Protein backbone atom coordinates (compact mmCIF):
# COMPACT_ATOMS: atom_id res chain seq x y z
CA MET A 1 133.86 -172.99 -100.05
CA GLY A 2 135.67 -170.57 -97.75
CA PRO A 3 134.77 -167.42 -99.72
CA LEU A 4 131.06 -168.29 -99.50
CA VAL A 5 131.25 -168.82 -95.74
CA TYR A 6 133.08 -165.50 -95.31
CA TYR A 7 130.52 -163.74 -97.52
CA CYS A 8 127.72 -165.05 -95.28
CA ARG A 9 129.52 -163.94 -92.12
CA TRP A 10 130.11 -160.40 -93.47
CA ARG A 11 126.44 -160.16 -94.52
CA GLY A 12 125.02 -161.74 -91.36
CA VAL A 13 123.06 -164.38 -93.26
CA GLN A 14 122.65 -168.09 -92.60
CA LEU A 15 123.81 -170.60 -95.16
CA ARG A 16 121.41 -173.47 -95.89
CA LEU A 17 123.00 -175.99 -98.22
CA ARG A 18 120.63 -178.03 -100.36
CA GLY A 19 123.13 -179.80 -102.59
CA ARG A 20 126.71 -180.15 -103.70
CA ASP A 21 128.71 -181.67 -106.52
CA GLU A 22 132.37 -181.41 -107.54
CA HIS A 23 131.82 -178.01 -109.18
CA ALA A 24 129.29 -176.14 -107.03
CA VAL A 25 127.16 -175.90 -103.91
CA TRP A 26 123.61 -174.55 -103.86
CA GLY A 27 120.86 -173.76 -101.43
CA GLN A 28 119.49 -170.69 -99.70
CA LEU A 29 120.90 -167.64 -97.95
CA VAL A 30 118.57 -166.74 -95.09
CA GLU A 31 118.33 -163.33 -93.47
CA ARG A 32 116.22 -162.55 -90.42
CA GLY A 33 114.43 -159.22 -90.20
CA ARG A 34 115.76 -157.16 -87.32
CA GLU A 35 112.42 -155.76 -86.30
CA ASP A 36 109.93 -158.49 -87.13
CA GLY A 37 112.13 -161.60 -86.98
CA GLU A 38 110.73 -162.81 -90.32
CA GLU A 39 113.02 -164.95 -92.45
CA ARG A 40 113.81 -163.95 -96.01
CA ALA A 41 115.40 -166.69 -98.11
CA GLU A 42 117.17 -166.24 -101.41
CA SER A 43 118.33 -169.14 -103.55
CA PHE A 44 121.99 -169.29 -104.56
CA ARG A 45 124.52 -171.32 -106.49
CA PHE A 46 128.24 -170.99 -105.75
CA ASP A 47 130.94 -172.17 -108.17
CA LEU A 48 133.73 -173.78 -106.13
CA HIS A 49 136.38 -173.15 -108.80
CA THR A 50 135.68 -169.58 -109.97
CA TRP A 51 134.11 -168.27 -106.70
CA GLU A 52 131.12 -166.93 -108.62
CA LEU A 53 128.00 -166.57 -106.50
CA TRP A 54 124.68 -166.57 -108.38
CA LEU A 55 121.78 -165.14 -106.39
CA GLY A 56 118.10 -165.63 -107.14
CA ASP A 57 116.40 -167.92 -109.57
CA PRO A 58 118.18 -168.42 -112.89
CA PRO A 59 119.15 -166.29 -114.55
CA GLY A 60 120.15 -164.46 -111.39
CA ARG A 61 122.51 -161.78 -110.25
CA ARG A 62 126.21 -162.74 -110.38
CA LEU A 63 128.73 -161.74 -107.73
CA GLN A 64 132.44 -162.42 -108.11
CA LEU A 65 133.98 -163.07 -104.68
CA ASP A 66 137.61 -162.95 -103.64
CA GLU A 67 139.25 -165.41 -101.24
CA LEU A 68 137.88 -163.49 -98.22
CA GLY A 69 134.30 -163.38 -99.48
CA VAL A 70 134.45 -159.73 -100.52
CA VAL A 71 132.49 -158.84 -103.66
CA GLU A 72 134.96 -157.88 -106.40
CA SER A 73 132.37 -157.31 -109.11
CA GLU A 74 128.65 -157.62 -109.60
CA GLU A 75 126.45 -158.17 -112.64
CA PRO A 76 122.71 -157.60 -112.31
CA ALA A 77 120.25 -160.24 -113.38
CA PRO A 78 119.50 -159.96 -117.10
CA ASP A 79 116.22 -158.32 -118.04
CA VAL A 80 113.96 -161.20 -118.94
CA SER A 81 110.82 -159.17 -119.53
CA SER A 82 108.69 -160.61 -122.27
CA SER A 83 108.07 -158.75 -125.49
CA ALA A 84 104.83 -160.71 -125.99
CA ASP A 85 102.88 -157.82 -124.47
CA ASP A 86 104.32 -155.30 -126.94
C-alpha cells in the first residue's frame, strides 16, 4: 500500500479507506479547495499487487504507479457515451 500513500502525499490529498481485501483497497481521495475549503472526493480502487490506481467510478481512469507513488503511465477513462441518441 506504500505507493498509494506516497501518491497521496505528493498530491496533497487525504486517503479515506472504505474497504480492503487481499487484492485491493478502495475508498475516496479527498482534496480541499485552497480558496474555499470545500472538499472534493473522488472514488478509487488500488490493486495491491500491480500498483494500478483506478480513479472515478468504473470504468475509470487508470494510473500505473511505481514504488514511490510516481505515475509511470496513465490511461484515460474509456468513452462510454451512448449511441442510443444517434
